[in-house]
């Protein structure tokens, strides 16, 4: 179960396009949103702690 003060490390690789990640905790799930700059697309990734 994720909690707000968990020390969560998120790593990602930058390609030629600038990418931005936003993360938050929702109902004990870690949600990572991948936001593409100059693009309306947002991809969402969900992680649950084992």
PDB file of N, CA and C in Angstrom:
ATOM      1  N   UNK A   1       0.852  -1.198   0.000  1.00  0.00           N
ATOM      2  CA  UNK A   1       0.000   0.000   0.000  1.00  0.00           C
ATOM      3  C   UNK A   1       0.886   1.247   0.000  1.00  0.00           C
ATOM      4  N   UNK A   2       0.613   2.134  -0.896  1.00  0.00           N
ATOM      5  CA  UNK A   2       1.392   3.371  -0.962  1.00  0.00           C
ATOM      6  C   UNK A   2       0.825   4.402  -0.007  1.00  0.00           C
ATOM      7  N   UNK A   3       1.719   5.159   0.568  1.00  0.00           N
ATOM      8  CA  UNK A   3       1.308   6.276   1.409  1.00  0.00           C
ATOM      9  C   UNK A   3       1.994   7.533   0.881  1.00  0.00           C
ATOM     10  N   UNK A   4       1.433   8.655   1.209  1.00  0.00           N
ATOM     11  CA  UNK A   4       1.936   9.928   0.683  1.00  0.00           C
ATOM     12  C   UNK A   4       3.420  10.145   0.973  1.00  0.00           C
ATOM     13  N   UNK A   5       3.899   9.697   2.112  1.00  0.00           N
ATOM     14  CA  UNK A   5       5.281   9.989   2.486  1.00  0.00           C
ATOM     15  C   UNK A   5       6.239   8.856   2.153  1.00  0.00           C
ATOM     16  N   UNK A   6       5.803   7.884   1.355  1.00  0.00           N
ATOM     17  CA  UNK A   6       6.699   6.822   0.925  1.00  0.00           C
ATOM     18  C   UNK A   6       7.818   7.418   0.069  1.00  0.00           C
ATOM     19  N   UNK A   7       9.000   6.854   0.235  1.00  0.00           N
ATOM     20  CA  UNK A   7      10.133   7.307  -0.568  1.00  0.00           C
ATOM     21  C   UNK A   7      10.135   6.508  -1.865  1.00  0.00           C
ATOM     22  N   UNK A   8       9.493   7.034  -2.870  1.00  0.00           N
ATOM     23  CA  UNK A   8       9.332   6.340  -4.141  1.00  0.00           C
ATOM     24  C   UNK A   8      10.250   6.982  -5.172  1.00  0.00           C
ATOM     25  N   UNK A   9      11.058   6.159  -5.791  1.00  0.00           N
ATOM     26  CA  UNK A   9      11.951   6.672  -6.821  1.00  0.00           C
ATOM     27  C   UNK A   9      11.392   6.294  -8.180  1.00  0.00           C
ATOM     28  N   UNK A  10      11.287   7.262  -9.041  1.00  0.00           N
ATOM     29  CA  UNK A  10      10.785   7.050 -10.391  1.00  0.00           C
ATOM     30  C   UNK A  10      11.898   7.452 -11.353  1.00  0.00           C
ATOM     31  N   UNK A  11      12.296   6.523 -12.193  1.00  0.00           N
ATOM     32  CA  UNK A  11      13.337   6.857 -13.161  1.00  0.00           C
ATOM     33  C   UNK A  11      12.814   6.638 -14.570  1.00  0.00           C
ATOM     34  N   UNK A  12      13.303   7.432 -15.469  1.00  0.00           N
ATOM     35  CA  UNK A  12      12.879   7.325 -16.856  1.00  0.00           C
ATOM     36  C   UNK A  12      13.976   7.888 -17.753  1.00  0.00           C
ATOM     37  N   UNK A  13      13.892   7.554 -19.003  1.00  0.00           N
ATOM     38  CA  UNK A  13      14.890   8.003 -19.960  1.00  0.00           C
ATOM     39  C   UNK A  13      14.309   9.110 -20.833  1.00  0.00           C
ATOM     40  N   UNK A  14      15.089  10.124 -21.024  1.00  0.00           N
ATOM     41  CA  UNK A  14      14.660  11.214 -21.893  1.00  0.00           C
ATOM     42  C   UNK A  14      15.107  10.926 -23.323  1.00  0.00           C
ATOM     43  N   UNK A  15      14.186  11.077 -24.223  1.00  0.00           N
ATOM     44  CA  UNK A  15      14.548  10.962 -25.639  1.00  0.00           C
ATOM     45  C   UNK A  15      14.634  12.369 -26.207  1.00  0.00           C
ATOM     46  N   UNK A  16      14.577  12.487 -27.519  1.00  0.00           N
ATOM     47  CA  UNK A  16      14.692  13.808 -28.139  1.00  0.00           C
ATOM     48  C   UNK A  16      13.532  14.723 -27.745  1.00  0.00           C
ATOM     49  N   UNK A  17      12.354  14.103 -27.523  1.00  0.00           N
ATOM     50  CA  UNK A  17      11.226  14.908 -27.079  1.00  0.00           C
ATOM     51  C   UNK A  17      11.243  15.037 -25.569  1.00  0.00           C
ATOM     52  N   UNK A  18      10.950  16.216 -25.104  1.00  0.00           N
ATOM     53  CA  UNK A  18      10.954  16.441 -23.676  1.00  0.00           C
ATOM     54  C   UNK A  18       9.727  15.777 -23.051  1.00  0.00           C
ATOM     55  N   UNK A  19       9.963  14.996 -22.029  1.00  0.00           N
ATOM     56  CA  UNK A  19       8.870  14.309 -21.362  1.00  0.00           C
ATOM     57  C   UNK A  19       8.812  14.731 -19.907  1.00  0.00           C
ATOM     58  N   UNK A  20       7.643  14.704 -19.376  1.00  0.00           N
ATOM     59  CA  UNK A  20       7.453  15.115 -18.001  1.00  0.00           C
ATOM     60  C   UNK A  20       6.562  14.089 -17.315  1.00  0.00           C
ATOM     61  N   UNK A  21       6.936  13.731 -16.102  1.00  0.00           N
ATOM     62  CA  UNK A  21       6.141  12.776 -15.350  1.00  0.00           C
ATOM     63  C   UNK A  21       5.523  13.454 -14.136  1.00  0.00           C
ATOM     64  N   UNK A  22       4.277  13.120 -13.914  1.00  0.00           N
ATOM     65  CA  UNK A  22       3.582  13.616 -12.729  1.00  0.00           C
ATOM     66  C   UNK A  22       3.091  12.377 -12.001  1.00  0.00           C
ATOM     67  N   UNK A  23       3.319  12.324 -10.702  1.00  0.00           N
ATOM     68  CA  UNK A  23       2.845  11.153  -9.985  1.00  0.00           C
ATOM     69  C   UNK A  23       2.032  11.554  -8.776  1.00  0.00           C
ATOM     70  N   UNK A  24       1.099  10.716  -8.436  1.00  0.00           N
ATOM     71  CA  UNK A  24       0.271  10.935  -7.265  1.00  0.00           C
ATOM     72  C   UNK A  24      -0.255   9.589  -6.771  1.00  0.00           C
ATOM     73  N   UNK A  25      -0.755   9.620  -5.551  1.00  0.00           N
ATOM     74  CA  UNK A  25      -1.268   8.398  -4.946  1.00  0.00           C
ATOM     75  C   UNK A  25      -2.787   8.493  -4.875  1.00  0.00           C
ATOM     76  N   UNK A  26      -3.424   7.463  -5.409  1.00  0.00           N
ATOM     77  CA  UNK A  26      -4.876   7.441  -5.457  1.00  0.00           C
ATOM     78  C   UNK A  26      -5.336   6.073  -4.984  1.00  0.00           C
ATOM     79  N   UNK A  27      -6.045   6.042  -3.877  1.00  0.00           N
ATOM     80  CA  UNK A  27      -6.582   4.780  -3.362  1.00  0.00           C
ATOM     81  C   UNK A  27      -5.481   3.726  -3.223  1.00  0.00           C
ATOM     82  N   UNK A  28      -4.380   4.131  -2.591  1.00  0.00           N
ATOM     83  CA  UNK A  28      -3.235   3.256  -2.323  1.00  0.00           C
ATOM     84  C   UNK A  28      -2.528   2.753  -3.575  1.00  0.00           C
ATOM     85  N   UNK A  29      -2.799   3.371  -4.722  1.00  0.00           N
ATOM     86  CA  UNK A  29      -2.105   3.020  -5.954  1.00  0.00           C
ATOM     87  C   UNK A  29      -1.260   4.206  -6.379  1.00  0.00           C
ATOM     88  N   UNK A  30      -0.086   3.891  -6.856  1.00  0.00           N
ATOM     89  CA  UNK A  30       0.782   4.945  -7.378  1.00  0.00           C
ATOM     90  C   UNK A  30       0.434   5.136  -8.843  1.00  0.00           C
ATOM     91  N   UNK A  31      -0.020   6.325  -9.180  1.00  0.00           N
ATOM     92  CA  UNK A  31      -0.372   6.640 -10.557  1.00  0.00           C
ATOM     93  C   UNK A  31       0.717   7.544 -11.118  1.00  0.00           C
ATOM     94  N   UNK A  32       1.239   7.167 -12.271  1.00  0.00           N
ATOM     95  CA  UNK A  32       2.244   7.999 -12.935  1.00  0.00           C
ATOM     96  C   UNK A  32       1.669   8.449 -14.262  1.00  0.00           C
ATOM     97  N   UNK A  33       1.621   9.740 -14.439  1.00  0.00           N
ATOM     98  CA  UNK A  33       1.144  10.292 -15.689  1.00  0.00           C
ATOM     99  C   UNK A  33       2.323  10.789 -16.494  1.00  0.00           C
ATOM    100  N   UNK A  34       2.369  10.368 -17.721  1.00  0.00           N
ATOM    101  CA  UNK A  34       3.444  10.771 -18.627  1.00  0.00           C
ATOM    102  C   UNK A  34       2.868  11.843 -19.533  1.00  0.00           C
ATOM    103  N   UNK A  35       3.377  13.042 -19.401  1.00  0.00           N
ATOM    104  CA  UNK A  35       2.845  14.178 -20.145  1.00  0.00           C
ATOM    105  C   UNK A  35       3.813  14.529 -21.268  1.00  0.00           C
ATOM    106  N   UNK A  36       3.299  14.601 -22.482  1.00  0.00           N
ATOM    107  CA  UNK A  36       4.122  14.979 -23.616  1.00  0.00           C
ATOM    108  C   UNK A  36       3.984  16.482 -23.837  1.00  0.00           C
ATOM    109  N   UNK A  37       5.106  17.153 -23.831  1.00  0.00           N
ATOM    110  CA  UNK A  37       5.106  18.599 -24.052  1.00  0.00           C
ATOM    111  C   UNK A  37       4.628  18.907 -25.471  1.00  0.00           C
ATOM    112  N   UNK A  38       3.893  20.003 -25.601  1.00  0.00           N
ATOM    113  CA  UNK A  38       3.350  20.429 -26.901  1.00  0.00           C
ATOM    114  C   UNK A  38       2.481  19.336 -27.526  1.00  0.00           C
ATOM    115  N   UNK A  39       1.836  18.567 -26.681  1.00  0.00           N
ATOM    116  CA  UNK A  39       1.024  17.463 -27.153  1.00  0.00           C
ATOM    117  C   UNK A  39      -0.120  17.282 -26.152  1.00  0.00           C
ATOM    118  N   UNK A  40      -1.271  16.966 -26.640  1.00  0.00           N
ATOM    119  CA  UNK A  40      -2.421  16.817 -25.749  1.00  0.00           C
ATOM    120  C   UNK A  40      -2.488  15.414 -25.135  1.00  0.00           C
ATOM    121  N   UNK A  41      -1.608  14.525 -25.614  1.00  0.00           N
ATOM    122  CA  UNK A  41      -1.641  13.148 -25.130  1.00  0.00           C
ATOM    123  C   UNK A  41      -1.050  13.023 -23.732  1.00  0.00           C
ATOM    124  N   UNK A  42      -1.737  12.262 -22.894  1.00  0.00           N
ATOM    125  CA  UNK A  42      -1.232  11.930 -21.572  1.00  0.00           C
ATOM    126  C   UNK A  42      -1.404  10.440 -21.389  1.00  0.00           C
ATOM    127  N   UNK A  43      -0.314   9.781 -21.078  1.00  0.00           N
ATOM    128  CA  UNK A  43      -0.392   8.353 -20.820  1.00  0.00           C
ATOM    129  C   UNK A  43      -0.340   8.141 -19.316  1.00  0.00           C
ATOM    130  N   UNK A  44      -1.125   7.207 -18.852  1.00  0.00           N
ATOM    131  CA  UNK A  44      -1.163   6.948 -17.420  1.00  0.00           C
ATOM    132  C   UNK A  44      -0.660   5.549 -17.122  1.00  0.00           C
ATOM    133  N   UNK A  45       0.212   5.476 -16.127  1.00  0.00           N
ATOM    134  CA  UNK A  45       0.761   4.206 -15.681  1.00  0.00           C
ATOM    135  C   UNK A  45       0.345   4.008 -14.235  1.00  0.00           C
ATOM    136  N   UNK A  46       0.004   2.809 -13.911  1.00  0.00           N
ATOM    137  CA  UNK A  46      -0.426   2.534 -12.544  1.00  0.00           C
ATOM    138  C   UNK A  46       0.455   1.448 -11.941  1.00  0.00           C
ATOM    139  N   UNK A  47       0.903   1.683 -10.722  1.00  0.00           N
ATOM    140  CA  UNK A  47       1.742   0.727 -10.019  1.00  0.00           C
ATOM    141  C   UNK A  47       1.098   0.409  -8.681  1.00  0.00           C
ATOM    142  N   UNK A  48       1.112  -0.840  -8.343  1.00  0.00           N
ATOM    143  CA  UNK A  48       0.626  -1.219  -7.017  1.00  0.00           C
ATOM    144  C   UNK A  48       1.762  -1.907  -6.276  1.00  0.00           C
ATOM    145  N   UNK A  49       1.889  -1.612  -5.016  1.00  0.00           N
ATOM    146  CA  UNK A  49       2.942  -2.199  -4.201  1.00  0.00           C
ATOM    147  C   UNK A  49       2.600  -3.645  -3.902  1.00  0.00           C
ATOM    148  N   UNK A  50       3.608  -4.497  -3.983  1.00  0.00           N
ATOM    149  CA  UNK A  50       3.392  -5.923  -3.714  1.00  0.00           C
ATOM    150  C   UNK A  50       3.326  -6.155  -2.208  1.00  0.00           C
TER     151      UNK A  50
END
